[in-house]
Amino acid sequence: MVKTLTKHGNSYALVIDKPIMDLLHIQPDTQLEISTDGKCLQIRPADTAKQEKFQKVMDETFVQYDEAFKKLAQ
C-alpha cells in the first residue's frame, strides 16, 4: 500500500485506513508508539501495560526516597 501525507493545520498526517486499524486491533484512542531507524518509520500500538508498570515503580520510588531526593535537589 502506498500512502501520501495529508495537510493537517501546520503539520502533515498519515491516515490509517480502517482495515489496517482492524488488523492491528487499534481504535482512534489507542496510543501508538512511533520510532525510526533513520530509514523506516515504525508505528505500533504502545505497550500500555509496560508503561503503567513503569509509572507504578516510579511512584513507589518517589514515595520511598522522597527525603533523599529533596536533599539531592538542594
N, C-alpha and C. Protein backbone atom coordinates (compact mmCIF):
# COMPACT_ATOMS: atom_id res chain seq x y z
N MET A 1 0.85 -1.17 0.00
CA MET A 1 0.00 0.00 0.00
C MET A 1 0.90 1.24 0.00
N VAL A 2 0.62 2.15 -0.87
CA VAL A 2 1.35 3.41 -0.95
C VAL A 2 0.42 4.51 -0.46
N LYS A 3 0.91 5.34 0.45
CA LYS A 3 0.12 6.43 1.03
C LYS A 3 0.87 7.74 0.85
N THR A 4 0.13 8.83 0.86
CA THR A 4 0.74 10.16 0.89
C THR A 4 0.26 10.88 2.15
N LEU A 5 1.03 11.85 2.57
CA LEU A 5 0.66 12.62 3.76
C LEU A 5 -0.43 13.61 3.41
N THR A 6 -1.26 13.91 4.40
CA THR A 6 -2.36 14.85 4.25
C THR A 6 -2.08 16.08 5.10
N LYS A 7 -2.27 17.27 4.53
CA LYS A 7 -2.07 18.52 5.28
C LYS A 7 -3.08 18.58 6.42
N HIS A 8 -2.58 18.89 7.63
CA HIS A 8 -3.43 18.97 8.82
C HIS A 8 -2.94 20.17 9.62
N GLY A 9 -3.53 21.34 9.38
CA GLY A 9 -3.05 22.57 10.01
C GLY A 9 -1.67 22.91 9.49
N ASN A 10 -0.71 23.12 10.41
CA ASN A 10 0.67 23.39 10.02
C ASN A 10 1.50 22.11 9.93
N SER A 11 0.87 20.97 10.09
CA SER A 11 1.56 19.68 10.08
C SER A 11 1.02 18.81 8.97
N TYR A 12 1.52 17.59 8.94
CA TYR A 12 1.04 16.59 7.99
C TYR A 12 0.66 15.34 8.75
N ALA A 13 -0.35 14.63 8.24
CA ALA A 13 -0.85 13.44 8.91
C ALA A 13 -0.83 12.25 7.95
N LEU A 14 -0.66 11.09 8.52
CA LEU A 14 -0.76 9.85 7.77
C LEU A 14 -2.08 9.21 8.16
N VAL A 15 -2.98 9.04 7.23
CA VAL A 15 -4.29 8.47 7.51
C VAL A 15 -4.17 6.95 7.51
N ILE A 16 -4.64 6.34 8.59
CA ILE A 16 -4.60 4.88 8.71
C ILE A 16 -5.99 4.36 8.37
N ASP A 17 -6.07 3.57 7.33
CA ASP A 17 -7.35 3.04 6.86
C ASP A 17 -7.93 2.04 7.86
N LYS A 18 -9.26 1.94 7.88
CA LYS A 18 -9.97 1.07 8.82
C LYS A 18 -9.49 -0.38 8.76
N PRO A 19 -9.25 -0.98 7.58
CA PRO A 19 -8.77 -2.37 7.56
C PRO A 19 -7.43 -2.56 8.28
N ILE A 20 -6.56 -1.56 8.19
CA ILE A 20 -5.27 -1.63 8.90
C ILE A 20 -5.51 -1.53 10.40
N MET A 21 -6.40 -0.63 10.80
CA MET A 21 -6.72 -0.49 12.23
C MET A 21 -7.31 -1.79 12.77
N ASP A 22 -8.19 -2.42 12.00
CA ASP A 22 -8.78 -3.69 12.41
C ASP A 22 -7.71 -4.77 12.54
N LEU A 23 -6.80 -4.81 11.61
CA LEU A 23 -5.72 -5.80 11.63
C LEU A 23 -4.85 -5.65 12.88
N LEU A 24 -4.60 -4.41 13.28
CA LEU A 24 -3.75 -4.14 14.44
C LEU A 24 -4.54 -4.09 15.75
N HIS A 25 -5.86 -4.23 15.65
CA HIS A 25 -6.74 -4.16 16.83
C HIS A 25 -6.56 -2.84 17.57
N ILE A 26 -6.59 -1.74 16.80
CA ILE A 26 -6.47 -0.42 17.41
C ILE A 26 -7.73 0.39 17.12
N GLN A 27 -8.00 1.36 17.98
CA GLN A 27 -9.11 2.27 17.87
C GLN A 27 -8.55 3.69 17.74
N PRO A 28 -9.38 4.67 17.43
CA PRO A 28 -8.87 6.05 17.33
C PRO A 28 -8.19 6.55 18.60
N ASP A 29 -8.57 6.01 19.76
CA ASP A 29 -7.96 6.48 21.02
C ASP A 29 -6.78 5.61 21.49
N THR A 30 -6.38 4.62 20.68
CA THR A 30 -5.24 3.77 21.04
C THR A 30 -3.95 4.57 20.95
N GLN A 31 -3.13 4.49 22.02
CA GLN A 31 -1.83 5.15 21.98
C GLN A 31 -0.91 4.37 21.04
N LEU A 32 -0.19 5.11 20.20
CA LEU A 32 0.72 4.49 19.25
C LEU A 32 2.15 4.91 19.55
N GLU A 33 3.06 3.97 19.43
CA GLU A 33 4.48 4.25 19.59
C GLU A 33 5.08 4.43 18.20
N ILE A 34 5.74 5.54 17.99
CA ILE A 34 6.34 5.83 16.69
C ILE A 34 7.84 5.89 16.86
N SER A 35 8.56 5.14 16.04
CA SER A 35 10.02 5.13 16.11
C SER A 35 10.57 5.06 14.70
N THR A 36 11.86 5.25 14.59
CA THR A 36 12.52 5.17 13.29
C THR A 36 13.93 4.64 13.47
N ASP A 37 14.42 4.00 12.45
CA ASP A 37 15.81 3.57 12.44
C ASP A 37 16.64 4.48 11.54
N GLY A 38 16.05 5.60 11.15
CA GLY A 38 16.71 6.54 10.26
C GLY A 38 16.32 6.34 8.80
N LYS A 39 15.74 5.20 8.49
CA LYS A 39 15.33 4.92 7.12
C LYS A 39 13.85 4.57 7.02
N CYS A 40 13.33 3.93 8.07
CA CYS A 40 11.94 3.48 8.08
C CYS A 40 11.21 4.07 9.27
N LEU A 41 9.95 4.35 9.07
CA LEU A 41 9.07 4.80 10.14
C LEU A 41 8.31 3.58 10.64
N GLN A 42 8.34 3.36 11.95
CA GLN A 42 7.65 2.21 12.54
C GLN A 42 6.56 2.73 13.48
N ILE A 43 5.35 2.24 13.29
CA ILE A 43 4.21 2.64 14.11
C ILE A 43 3.58 1.37 14.65
N ARG A 44 3.43 1.31 15.98
CA ARG A 44 2.84 0.14 16.60
C ARG A 44 2.05 0.55 17.84
N PRO A 45 1.07 -0.26 18.23
CA PRO A 45 0.35 0.06 19.47
C PRO A 45 1.33 0.12 20.64
N ALA A 46 1.18 1.14 21.48
CA ALA A 46 2.05 1.28 22.64
C ALA A 46 1.74 0.19 23.64
N ASP A 47 2.76 -0.27 24.33
CA ASP A 47 2.59 -1.28 25.37
C ASP A 47 2.18 -0.57 26.65
N THR A 48 0.87 -0.33 26.80
CA THR A 48 0.39 0.45 27.94
C THR A 48 0.60 -0.28 29.26
N ALA A 49 0.57 -1.61 29.26
CA ALA A 49 0.81 -2.36 30.50
C ALA A 49 2.23 -2.10 30.99
N LYS A 50 3.17 -2.07 30.07
CA LYS A 50 4.56 -1.81 30.43
C LYS A 50 4.71 -0.38 30.96
N GLN A 51 4.04 0.58 30.32
CA GLN A 51 4.10 1.97 30.76
C GLN A 51 3.48 2.13 32.14
N GLU A 52 2.36 1.45 32.39
CA GLU A 52 1.70 1.53 33.69
C GLU A 52 2.58 0.93 34.79
N LYS A 53 3.23 -0.18 34.49
CA LYS A 53 4.13 -0.82 35.46
C LYS A 53 5.29 0.12 35.78
N PHE A 54 5.87 0.73 34.76
CA PHE A 54 6.97 1.67 34.95
C PHE A 54 6.53 2.84 35.82
N GLN A 55 5.35 3.39 35.53
CA GLN A 55 4.84 4.53 36.30
C GLN A 55 4.62 4.14 37.76
N LYS A 56 4.12 2.93 38.01
CA LYS A 56 3.90 2.45 39.38
C LYS A 56 5.23 2.37 40.13
N VAL A 57 6.25 1.83 39.48
CA VAL A 57 7.57 1.73 40.10
C VAL A 57 8.13 3.12 40.39
N MET A 58 7.96 4.04 39.46
CA MET A 58 8.44 5.41 39.68
C MET A 58 7.72 6.07 40.85
N ASP A 59 6.41 5.90 40.93
CA ASP A 59 5.64 6.47 42.04
C ASP A 59 6.10 5.92 43.37
N GLU A 60 6.30 4.60 43.44
CA GLU A 60 6.76 3.97 44.67
C GLU A 60 8.16 4.46 45.04
N THR A 61 9.01 4.63 44.05
CA THR A 61 10.38 5.11 44.30
C THR A 61 10.36 6.51 44.87
N PHE A 62 9.53 7.38 44.31
CA PHE A 62 9.46 8.76 44.82
C PHE A 62 8.91 8.81 46.24
N VAL A 63 7.97 7.94 46.56
CA VAL A 63 7.45 7.89 47.93
C VAL A 63 8.53 7.39 48.88
N GLN A 64 9.20 6.31 48.50
CA GLN A 64 10.19 5.69 49.37
C GLN A 64 11.42 6.59 49.59
N TYR A 65 11.85 7.29 48.57
CA TYR A 65 13.09 8.06 48.65
C TYR A 65 12.85 9.57 48.60
N ASP A 66 11.66 10.00 49.00
CA ASP A 66 11.28 11.41 48.94
C ASP A 66 12.31 12.31 49.62
N GLU A 67 12.69 11.98 50.84
CA GLU A 67 13.64 12.81 51.59
C GLU A 67 15.00 12.85 50.90
N ALA A 68 15.46 11.72 50.41
CA ALA A 68 16.76 11.67 49.72
C ALA A 68 16.74 12.54 48.47
N PHE A 69 15.65 12.49 47.71
CA PHE A 69 15.54 13.32 46.51
C PHE A 69 15.53 14.81 46.87
N LYS A 70 14.86 15.16 47.95
CA LYS A 70 14.84 16.55 48.37
C LYS A 70 16.24 17.03 48.76
N LYS A 71 16.99 16.19 49.46
CA LYS A 71 18.37 16.56 49.84
C LYS A 71 19.26 16.68 48.61
N LEU A 72 19.09 15.78 47.68
CA LEU A 72 19.89 15.85 46.45
C LEU A 72 19.58 17.12 45.65
N ALA A 73 18.33 17.54 45.69
CA ALA A 73 17.93 18.72 44.93
C ALA A 73 18.54 20.00 45.50
N GLN A 74 18.89 19.97 46.79
CA GLN A 74 19.47 21.16 47.42
C GLN A 74 20.92 21.16 47.12
